[in-house]
Amino acid sequence: LYTANLTAYLTFKRVGIPIDNIKDLLKQKDLKWGVITDRITEARLLNHVDDTYAKIVMDGDTISNLTEAIQRVKQGNFVFIDERSVLDYNFRDDCDLVKFVNEIQSSEWAFGLHKYSPYISVINKVLLRLREEEYFTRLKKTWYEGDSTCDGQSVGSDSPFELATLAGLFYTLAIAILVCVILLFCEYIYAASRDFRKSPDKSLYQHLKTRLCYKVCDICREWMGRCKGGEQNLGALTKVNNINDNILFDLS
């Protein structure tokens, strides 16, 4: 549902409708909404633990049947609230409509049989075989997606994002990593310059190289438990600190 909700948010913002989820209907005045009376959707909203959903039903328009709901949606400025299966089937080929997903209560479809019915194992085997053959996936595409020419523009689609959609996120991540590397390098240069002022017999490059070597050895000992010359370097570092305090300091 994360990608479906995020897609709905982006699409609605793009078309100028300030709706992210079903509760946002109460915060705007441009759109009317409604639920078909005496159906499971209305009952779920009215009996939900969150009173906001009951308010949505009471403040919405009364719809007597599905045909009326479809007509009002196609006329414009109306939000029809119903189960996803109903919306997917009845609006699968209408590219002018926008659908957003807001899961309130999830439910499963099942066969009801007696507890010790001899048909349970038979039905289970058949269902597993059909699932392995992707029969239900093909059936869903036939009846809920059809031969739609909308090119995946429906907001309710839960297909994964394309890389181009998230390109900005990857660019931001790459820039952040680059900035961190630059700051870390500058920090080591600053530390090496302090070492150079206190011990000018070595060049700035040598002090920087020494610091980097110590850090690499620390990482090797901590994460891999092995580093050639690590113990010797640690002893040298201790001696230097005893002779001249604060020559080196830990940047970790």
C-alpha atoms as a PDB file:
ATOM      1  CA  LEU A   1       0.000   0.000   0.000  1.00  0.00           C
ATOM      2  CA  TYR A   2       2.951   2.332   0.474  1.00  0.00           C
ATOM      3  CA  THR A   3       3.589   2.805  -3.228  1.00  0.00           C
ATOM      4  CA  ALA A   4      -0.121   3.086  -3.970  1.00  0.00           C
ATOM      5  CA  ASN A   5      -0.638   5.790  -1.359  1.00  0.00           C
ATOM      6  CA  LEU A   6       2.502   7.659  -2.403  1.00  0.00           C
ATOM      7  CA  THR A   7       1.459   7.537  -6.036  1.00  0.00           C
ATOM      8  CA  ALA A   8      -1.959   8.867  -5.127  1.00  0.00           C
ATOM      9  CA  TYR A   9      -0.386  11.735  -3.205  1.00  0.00           C
ATOM     10  CA  LEU A  10       1.891  12.718  -6.090  1.00  0.00           C
ATOM     11  CA  THR A  11      -0.838  12.480  -8.713  1.00  0.00           C
ATOM     12  CA  PHE A  12      -3.400  14.434  -6.731  1.00  0.00           C
ATOM     13  CA  LYS A  13      -0.878  17.153  -6.010  1.00  0.00           C
ATOM     14  CA  ARG A  14      -0.086  17.345  -9.690  1.00  0.00           C
ATOM     15  CA  VAL A  15      -3.707  17.802 -10.732  1.00  0.00           C
ATOM     16  CA  GLY A  16      -4.357  20.253  -7.916  1.00  0.00           C
ATOM     17  CA  ILE A  17      -6.658  18.139  -5.709  1.00  0.00           C
ATOM     18  CA  PRO A  18      -5.562  18.330  -2.048  1.00  0.00           C
ATOM     19  CA  ILE A  19      -6.385  14.699  -1.186  1.00  0.00           C
ATOM     20  CA  ASP A  20      -3.940  12.177   0.193  1.00  0.00           C
ATOM     21  CA  ASN A  21      -6.382   9.773   1.853  1.00  0.00           C
ATOM     22  CA  ILE A  22     -10.083   9.374   2.488  1.00  0.00           C
ATOM     23  CA  LYS A  23     -10.009  11.551   5.625  1.00  0.00           C
ATOM     24  CA  ASP A  24      -8.917  14.553   3.556  1.00  0.00           C
ATOM     25  CA  LEU A  25     -12.409  14.694   2.063  1.00  0.00           C
ATOM     26  CA  LEU A  26     -13.572  16.397   5.270  1.00  0.00           C
ATOM     27  CA  LYS A  27     -10.910  19.105   4.879  1.00  0.00           C
ATOM     28  CA  GLN A  28     -11.994  20.358   1.450  1.00  0.00           C
ATOM     29  CA  LYS A  29     -15.138  21.787  -0.181  1.00  0.00           C
ATOM     30  CA  ASP A  30     -14.464  21.305  -3.888  1.00  0.00           C
ATOM     31  CA  LEU A  31     -15.498  17.652  -4.097  1.00  0.00           C
ATOM     32  CA  LYS A  32     -18.585  15.784  -2.941  1.00  0.00           C
ATOM     33  CA  TRP A  33     -18.510  12.111  -2.031  1.00  0.00           C
ATOM     34  CA  GLY A  34     -20.787   9.230  -1.254  1.00  0.00           C
ATOM     35  CA  VAL A  35     -21.188   5.553  -0.373  1.00  0.00           C
ATOM     36  CA  ILE A  36     -23.869   3.167  -1.630  1.00  0.00           C
ATOM     37  CA  THR A  37     -26.378   2.613   1.170  1.00  0.00           C
ATOM     38  CA  ASP A  38     -27.036  -0.775   2.805  1.00  0.00           C
ATOM     39  CA  ARG A  39     -23.758  -2.339   1.661  1.00  0.00           C
ATOM     40  CA  ILE A  40     -20.700  -3.735   3.400  1.00  0.00           C
ATOM     41  CA  THR A  41     -18.616  -0.611   2.724  1.00  0.00           C
ATOM     42  CA  GLU A  42     -21.112   1.633   4.497  1.00  0.00           C
ATOM     43  CA  ALA A  43     -21.324  -0.785   7.436  1.00  0.00           C
ATOM     44  CA  ARG A  44     -17.544  -0.919   7.818  1.00  0.00           C
ATOM     45  CA  LEU A  45     -17.222   2.850   7.830  1.00  0.00           C
ATOM     46  CA  LEU A  46     -20.063   3.384  10.288  1.00  0.00           C
ATOM     47  CA  ASN A  47     -18.780   0.743  12.711  1.00  0.00           C
ATOM     48  CA  HIS A  48     -15.101   1.638  12.505  1.00  0.00           C
ATOM     49  CA  VAL A  49     -13.296   2.437  15.764  1.00  0.00           C
ATOM     50  CA  ASP A  50     -12.261   5.761  14.270  1.00  0.00           C
ATOM     51  CA  ASP A  51     -15.306   8.052  14.326  1.00  0.00           C
ATOM     52  CA  THR A  52     -13.903  10.012  11.388  1.00  0.00           C
ATOM     53  CA  TYR A  53     -15.054   7.292   8.985  1.00  0.00           C
ATOM     54  CA  ALA A  54     -18.612   7.424  10.329  1.00  0.00           C
ATOM     55  CA  LYS A  55     -18.579  11.199   9.838  1.00  0.00           C
ATOM     56  CA  ILE A  56     -17.511  10.668   6.223  1.00  0.00           C
ATOM     57  CA  VAL A  57     -20.594   8.529   5.620  1.00  0.00           C
ATOM     58  CA  MET A  58     -22.960  10.927   7.388  1.00  0.00           C
ATOM     59  CA  ASP A  59     -21.586  14.030   5.640  1.00  0.00           C
ATOM     60  CA  GLY A  60     -21.540  12.368   2.222  1.00  0.00           C
ATOM     61  CA  ASP A  61     -24.298  12.122  -0.363  1.00  0.00           C
ATOM     62  CA  THR A  62     -26.688   9.192  -0.410  1.00  0.00           C
ATOM     63  CA  ILE A  63     -26.267   6.792  -3.353  1.00  0.00           C
ATOM     64  CA  SER A  64     -28.892   4.157  -4.025  1.00  0.00           C
ATOM     65  CA  ASN A  65     -27.040   1.859  -6.435  1.00  0.00           C
ATOM     66  CA  LEU A  66     -23.836   1.300  -8.384  1.00  0.00           C
ATOM     67  CA  THR A  67     -25.202   2.753 -11.637  1.00  0.00           C
ATOM     68  CA  GLU A  68     -25.927   6.070  -9.964  1.00  0.00           C
ATOM     69  CA  ALA A  69     -22.443   6.093  -8.411  1.00  0.00           C
ATOM     70  CA  ILE A  70     -20.759   5.510 -11.779  1.00  0.00           C
ATOM     71  CA  GLN A  71     -22.799   8.266 -13.416  1.00  0.00           C
ATOM     72  CA  ARG A  72     -21.985  10.799 -10.713  1.00  0.00           C
ATOM     73  CA  VAL A  73     -18.280   9.991 -10.876  1.00  0.00           C
ATOM     74  CA  LYS A  74     -18.234  10.477 -14.656  1.00  0.00           C
ATOM     75  CA  GLN A  75     -20.095  13.780 -14.319  1.00  0.00           C
ATOM     76  CA  GLY A  76     -17.179  15.108 -12.302  1.00  0.00           C
ATOM     77  CA  ASN A  77     -16.372  16.602  -8.872  1.00  0.00           C
ATOM     78  CA  PHE A  78     -17.550  13.479  -7.063  1.00  0.00           C
ATOM     79  CA  VAL A  79     -15.673  10.803  -5.109  1.00  0.00           C
ATOM     80  CA  PHE A  80     -17.176   7.335  -4.983  1.00  0.00           C
ATOM     81  CA  ILE A  81     -16.059   5.243  -1.984  1.00  0.00           C
ATOM     82  CA  ASP A  82     -16.241   1.466  -2.313  1.00  0.00           C
ATOM     83  CA  GLU A  83     -14.188  -1.713  -2.193  1.00  0.00           C
ATOM     84  CA  ARG A  84     -11.146  -1.836  -4.418  1.00  0.00           C
ATOM     85  CA  SER A  85     -12.443  -4.812  -6.409  1.00  0.00           C
ATOM     86  CA  VAL A  86     -15.591  -2.854  -7.332  1.00  0.00           C
ATOM     87  CA  LEU A  87     -13.592   0.192  -8.408  1.00  0.00           C
ATOM     88  CA  ASP A  88     -11.021  -1.833 -10.347  1.00  0.00           C
ATOM     89  CA  TYR A  89     -13.675  -3.683 -12.330  1.00  0.00           C
ATOM     90  CA  ASN A  90     -16.062  -0.844 -13.130  1.00  0.00           C
ATOM     91  CA  PHE A  91     -13.463   1.813 -13.957  1.00  0.00           C
ATOM     92  CA  ARG A  92     -10.682  -0.323 -15.443  1.00  0.00           C
ATOM     93  CA  ASP A  93     -10.869   1.262 -18.923  1.00  0.00           C
ATOM     94  CA  ASP A  94     -11.760   4.841 -17.986  1.00  0.00           C
ATOM     95  CA  CYS A  95      -8.591   6.924 -18.273  1.00  0.00           C
ATOM     96  CA  ASP A  96     -10.321  10.168 -17.265  1.00  0.00           C
ATOM     97  CA  LEU A  97     -10.864   9.008 -13.687  1.00  0.00           C
ATOM     98  CA  VAL A  98      -8.389   9.047 -10.823  1.00  0.00           C
ATOM     99  CA  LYS A  99      -8.397   6.425  -8.093  1.00  0.00           C
ATOM    100  CA  PHE A 100      -6.547   6.487  -4.782  1.00  0.00           C
ATOM    101  CA  VAL A 101      -6.108   3.576  -2.393  1.00  0.00           C
ATOM    102  CA  ASN A 102      -6.838   3.905   1.313  1.00  0.00           C
ATOM    103  CA  GLU A 103      -7.066   0.553   3.076  1.00  0.00           C
ATOM    104  CA  ILE A 104      -9.493   0.801   5.987  1.00  0.00           C
ATOM    105  CA  GLN A 105     -10.177  -2.856   6.644  1.00  0.00           C
ATOM    106  CA  SER A 106      -8.810  -5.819   4.739  1.00  0.00           C
ATOM    107  CA  SER A 107     -10.878  -8.910   4.076  1.00  0.00           C
ATOM    108  CA  GLU A 108     -10.361 -12.220   2.311  1.00  0.00           C
ATOM    109  CA  TRP A 109     -12.634 -14.244   0.073  1.00  0.00           C
ATOM    110  CA  ALA A 110     -13.008 -17.898   1.006  1.00  0.00           C
ATOM    111  CA  PHE A 111     -15.093 -21.033   0.553  1.00  0.00           C
ATOM    112  CA  GLY A 112     -17.225 -22.050   3.530  1.00  0.00           C
ATOM    113  CA  LEU A 113     -17.243 -25.793   4.245  1.00  0.00           C
ATOM    114  CA  HIS A 114     -18.038 -28.042   7.179  1.00  0.00           C
ATOM    115  CA  LYS A 115     -15.178 -28.626   9.610  1.00  0.00           C
ATOM    116  CA  TYR A 116     -14.550 -32.244   8.563  1.00  0.00           C
ATOM    117  CA  SER A 117     -15.736 -31.979   4.980  1.00  0.00           C
ATOM    118  CA  PRO A 118     -14.043 -34.484   2.610  1.00  0.00           C
ATOM    119  CA  TYR A 119     -13.737 -31.730  -0.008  1.00  0.00           C
ATOM    120  CA  ILE A 120     -11.313 -29.554   1.982  1.00  0.00           C
ATOM    121  CA  SER A 121      -8.143 -31.347   0.875  1.00  0.00           C
ATOM    122  CA  VAL A 122      -9.379 -31.587  -2.721  1.00  0.00           C
ATOM    123  CA  ILE A 123     -10.167 -27.851  -2.928  1.00  0.00           C
ATOM    124  CA  ASN A 124      -6.864 -26.935  -1.268  1.00  0.00           C
ATOM    125  CA  LYS A 125      -4.881 -28.966  -3.794  1.00  0.00           C
ATOM    126  CA  VAL A 126      -6.726 -27.428  -6.715  1.00  0.00           C
ATOM    127  CA  LEU A 127      -6.269 -23.895  -5.368  1.00  0.00           C
ATOM    128  CA  LEU A 128      -2.544 -24.469  -4.814  1.00  0.00           C
ATOM    129  CA  ARG A 129      -2.142 -25.839  -8.331  1.00  0.00           C
ATOM    130  CA  LEU A 130      -4.007 -22.893  -9.851  1.00  0.00           C
ATOM    131  CA  ARG A 131      -1.894 -20.502  -7.836  1.00  0.00           C
ATOM    132  CA  GLU A 132       1.336 -22.135  -9.015  1.00  0.00           C
ATOM    133  CA  GLU A 133       0.111 -21.862 -12.597  1.00  0.00           C
ATOM    134  CA  GLU A 134      -0.633 -18.130 -12.016  1.00  0.00           C
ATOM    135  CA  TYR A 135      -4.232 -18.714 -13.046  1.00  0.00           C
ATOM    136  CA  PHE A 136      -5.564 -16.171 -10.564  1.00  0.00           C
ATOM    137  CA  THR A 137      -3.085 -13.569 -11.767  1.00  0.00           C
ATOM    138  CA  ARG A 138      -4.247 -14.021 -15.356  1.00  0.00           C
ATOM    139  CA  LEU A 139      -7.873 -13.952 -14.233  1.00  0.00           C
ATOM    140  CA  LYS A 140      -7.322 -10.682 -12.375  1.00  0.00           C
ATOM    141  CA  LYS A 141      -5.668  -9.094 -15.402  1.00  0.00           C
ATOM    142  CA  THR A 142      -8.561 -10.194 -17.614  1.00  0.00           C
ATOM    143  CA  TRP A 143     -11.406  -8.912 -15.434  1.00  0.00           C
ATOM    144  CA  TYR A 144      -9.844  -6.104 -13.400  1.00  0.00           C
ATOM    145  CA  GLU A 145      -7.307  -4.643 -15.805  1.00  0.00           C
ATOM    146  CA  GLY A 146      -8.672  -5.613 -19.194  1.00  0.00           C
ATOM    147  CA  ASP A 147      -7.187  -4.059 -22.340  1.00  0.00           C
ATOM    148  CA  SER A 148      -6.671  -0.690 -20.733  1.00  0.00           C
ATOM    149  CA  THR A 149      -4.968   1.962 -22.864  1.00  0.00           C
ATOM    150  CA  CYS A 150      -4.229   4.260 -19.927  1.00  0.00           C
ATOM    151  CA  ASP A 151      -0.561   3.126 -19.804  1.00  0.00           C
ATOM    152  CA  GLY A 152      -0.577   2.615 -16.052  1.00  0.00           C
ATOM    153  CA  GLN A 153      -1.746   6.123 -15.210  1.00  0.00           C
ATOM    154  CA  SER A 154      -4.264   4.873 -12.697  1.00  0.00           C
ATOM    155  CA  VAL A 155      -3.361   6.054  -9.243  1.00  0.00           C
ATOM    156  CA  GLY A 156      -4.563   2.845  -7.666  1.00  0.00           C
ATOM    157  CA  SER A 157      -1.913   0.761  -9.379  1.00  0.00           C
ATOM    158  CA  ASP A 158       0.439  -0.928  -6.897  1.00  0.00           C
ATOM    159  CA  SER A 159       3.145  -1.672  -9.452  1.00  0.00           C
ATOM    160  CA  PRO A 160       6.685  -0.665  -8.457  1.00  0.00           C
ATOM    161  CA  PHE A 161       8.072   2.752  -9.351  1.00  0.00           C
ATOM    162  CA  GLU A 162      10.254   3.124 -12.405  1.00  0.00           C
ATOM    163  CA  LEU A 163      13.843   4.209 -11.818  1.00  0.00           C
ATOM    164  CA  ALA A 164      13.186   7.534 -13.524  1.00  0.00           C
ATOM    165  CA  THR A 165      10.474   8.322 -10.968  1.00  0.00           C
ATOM    166  CA  LEU A 166      12.944   8.014  -8.094  1.00  0.00           C
ATOM    167  CA  ALA A 167      15.934   9.530  -9.930  1.00  0.00           C
ATOM    168  CA  GLY A 168      15.841  12.621  -7.738  1.00  0.00           C
ATOM    169  CA  LEU A 169      16.166  10.470  -4.614  1.00  0.00           C
ATOM    170  CA  PHE A 170      19.245   8.703  -5.952  1.00  0.00           C
ATOM    171  CA  TYR A 171      20.814  12.000  -7.018  1.00  0.00           C
ATOM    172  CA  THR A 172      20.254  13.411  -3.546  1.00  0.00           C
ATOM    173  CA  LEU A 173      21.777  10.309  -1.969  1.00  0.00           C
ATOM    174  CA  ALA A 174      24.826  10.497  -4.254  1.00  0.00           C
ATOM    175  CA  ILE A 175      25.366  14.187  -3.456  1.00  0.00           C
ATOM    176  CA  ALA A 176      25.041  13.504   0.281  1.00  0.00           C
ATOM    177  CA  ILE A 177      27.656  10.734   0.092  1.00  0.00           C
ATOM    178  CA  LEU A 178      30.015  12.997  -1.865  1.00  0.00           C
ATOM    179  CA  VAL A 179      29.631  15.818   0.665  1.00  0.00           C
ATOM    180  CA  CYS A 180      30.334  13.404   3.538  1.00  0.00           C
ATOM    181  CA  VAL A 181      33.512  12.160   1.841  1.00  0.00           C
ATOM    182  CA  ILE A 182      34.712  15.726   1.233  1.00  0.00           C
ATOM    183  CA  LEU A 183      34.026  16.738   4.851  1.00  0.00           C
ATOM    184  CA  LEU A 184      35.814  13.649   6.164  1.00  0.00           C
ATOM    185  CA  PHE A 185      38.846  14.395   3.976  1.00  0.00           C
ATOM    186  CA  CYS A 186      38.903  18.017   5.141  1.00  0.00           C
ATOM    187  CA  GLU A 187      38.771  16.822   8.744  1.00  0.00           C
ATOM    188  CA  TYR A 188      41.812  14.606   8.205  1.00  0.00           C
ATOM    189  CA  ILE A 189      43.685  17.451   6.523  1.00  0.00           C
ATOM    190  CA  TYR A 190      42.943  19.687   9.521  1.00  0.00           C
ATOM    191  CA  ALA A 191      44.181  17.015  11.923  1.00  0.00           C
ATOM    192  CA  ALA A 192      47.323  16.448   9.836  1.00  0.00           C
ATOM    193  CA  SER A 193      48.006  20.203   9.800  1.00  0.00           C
ATOM    194  CA  ARG A 194      47.894  20.247  13.616  1.00  0.00           C
ATOM    195  CA  ASP A 195      50.334  17.348  13.661  1.00  0.00           C
ATOM    196  CA  PHE A 196      52.581  19.206  11.220  1.00  0.00           C
ATOM    197  CA  ARG A 197      52.695  22.327  13.400  1.00  0.00           C
ATOM    198  CA  LYS A 198      53.719  20.247  16.417  1.00  0.00           C
ATOM    199  CA  SER A 199      56.135  18.026  14.495  1.00  0.00           C
ATOM    200  CA  PRO A 200      57.500  19.959  11.466  1.00  0.00           C
ATOM    201  CA  ASP A 201      60.254  17.416  10.779  1.00  0.00           C
ATOM    202  CA  LYS A 202      57.722  15.542   8.616  1.00  0.00           C
ATOM    203  CA  SER A 203      55.776  16.948   5.705  1.00  0.00           C
ATOM    204  CA  LEU A 204      52.015  17.550   5.780  1.00  0.00           C
ATOM    205  CA  TYR A 205      51.568  14.709   3.316  1.00  0.00           C
ATOM    206  CA  GLN A 206      53.431  12.295   5.617  1.00  0.00           C
ATOM    207  CA  HIS A 207      51.279  13.273   8.610  1.00  0.00           C
ATOM    208  CA  LEU A 208      48.119  12.821   6.541  1.00  0.00           C
ATOM    209  CA  LYS A 209      49.319   9.440   5.301  1.00  0.00           C
ATOM    210  CA  THR A 210      50.105   8.360   8.859  1.00  0.00           C
ATOM    211  CA  ARG A 211      46.642   9.287  10.070  1.00  0.00           C
ATOM    212  CA  LEU A 212      44.963   7.456   7.218  1.00  0.00           C
ATOM    213  CA  CYS A 213      47.084   4.366   7.887  1.00  0.00           C
ATOM    214  CA  TYR A 214      46.130   4.382  11.569  1.00  0.00           C
ATOM    215  CA  LYS A 215      42.449   4.712  10.710  1.00  0.00           C
ATOM    216  CA  VAL A 216      42.611   1.862   8.177  1.00  0.00           C
ATOM    217  CA  CYS A 217      44.310  -0.369  10.742  1.00  0.00           C
ATOM    218  CA  ASP A 218      41.671   0.509  13.349  1.00  0.00           C
ATOM    219  CA  ILE A 219      38.916  -0.463  10.918  1.00  0.00           C
ATOM    220  CA  CYS A 220      40.696  -3.715  10.062  1.00  0.00           C
ATOM    221  CA  ARG A 221      41.116  -4.684  13.719  1.00  0.00           C
ATOM    222  CA  GLU A 222      37.559  -3.761  14.642  1.00  0.00           C
ATOM    223  CA  TRP A 223      35.651  -5.272  11.728  1.00  0.00           C
ATOM    224  CA  MET A 224      37.882  -7.982  10.307  1.00  0.00           C
ATOM    225  CA  GLY A 225      40.169  -8.737  13.223  1.00  0.00           C
ATOM    226  CA  ARG A 226      43.278  -8.739  11.052  1.00  0.00           C
ATOM    227  CA  CYS A 227      45.641  -6.076   9.791  1.00  0.00           C
ATOM    228  CA  LYS A 228      49.329  -6.439   9.030  1.00  0.00           C
ATOM    229  CA  GLY A 229      51.369  -4.299  11.378  1.00  0.00           C
ATOM    230  CA  GLY A 230      48.302  -3.167  13.269  1.00  0.00           C
ATOM    231  CA  GLU A 231      49.666  -4.021  16.700  1.00  0.00           C
ATOM    232  CA  GLN A 232      53.023  -2.429  15.909  1.00  0.00           C
ATOM    233  CA  ASN A 233      51.318   0.761  14.732  1.00  0.00           C
ATOM    234  CA  LEU A 234      49.238   0.866  17.892  1.00  0.00           C
ATOM    235  CA  GLY A 235      52.404   0.616  19.999  1.00  0.00           C
ATOM    236  CA  ALA A 236      54.049   3.418  18.027  1.00  0.00           C
ATOM    237  CA  LEU A 237      50.984   5.581  18.543  1.00  0.00           C
ATOM    238  CA  THR A 238      51.153   5.005  22.306  1.00  0.00           C
ATOM    239  CA  LYS A 239      54.794   5.988  22.468  1.00  0.00           C
ATOM    240  CA  VAL A 240      54.192   9.191  20.533  1.00  0.00           C
ATOM    241  CA  ASN A 241      51.357  10.132  22.864  1.00  0.00           C
ATOM    242  CA  ASN A 242      53.610   9.532  25.894  1.00  0.00           C
ATOM    243  CA  ILE A 243      56.365  11.796  24.515  1.00  0.00           C
ATOM    244  CA  ASN A 244      54.182  14.628  23.300  1.00  0.00           C
ATOM    245  CA  ASP A 245      50.590  14.671  24.458  1.00  0.00           C
ATOM    246  CA  ASN A 246      47.750  15.425  22.023  1.00  0.00           C
ATOM    247  CA  ILE A 247      49.858  14.963  18.895  1.00  0.00           C
ATOM    248  CA  LEU A 248      47.155  12.655  17.518  1.00  0.00           C
ATOM    249  CA  PHE A 249      43.454  12.477  18.376  1.00  0.00           C
ATOM    250  CA  ASP A 250      40.771  10.015  17.374  1.00  0.00           C
ATOM    251  CA  LEU A 251      38.354  11.162  14.665  1.00  0.00           C
ATOM    252  CA  SER A 252      36.028   8.197  14.941  1.00  0.00           C
END
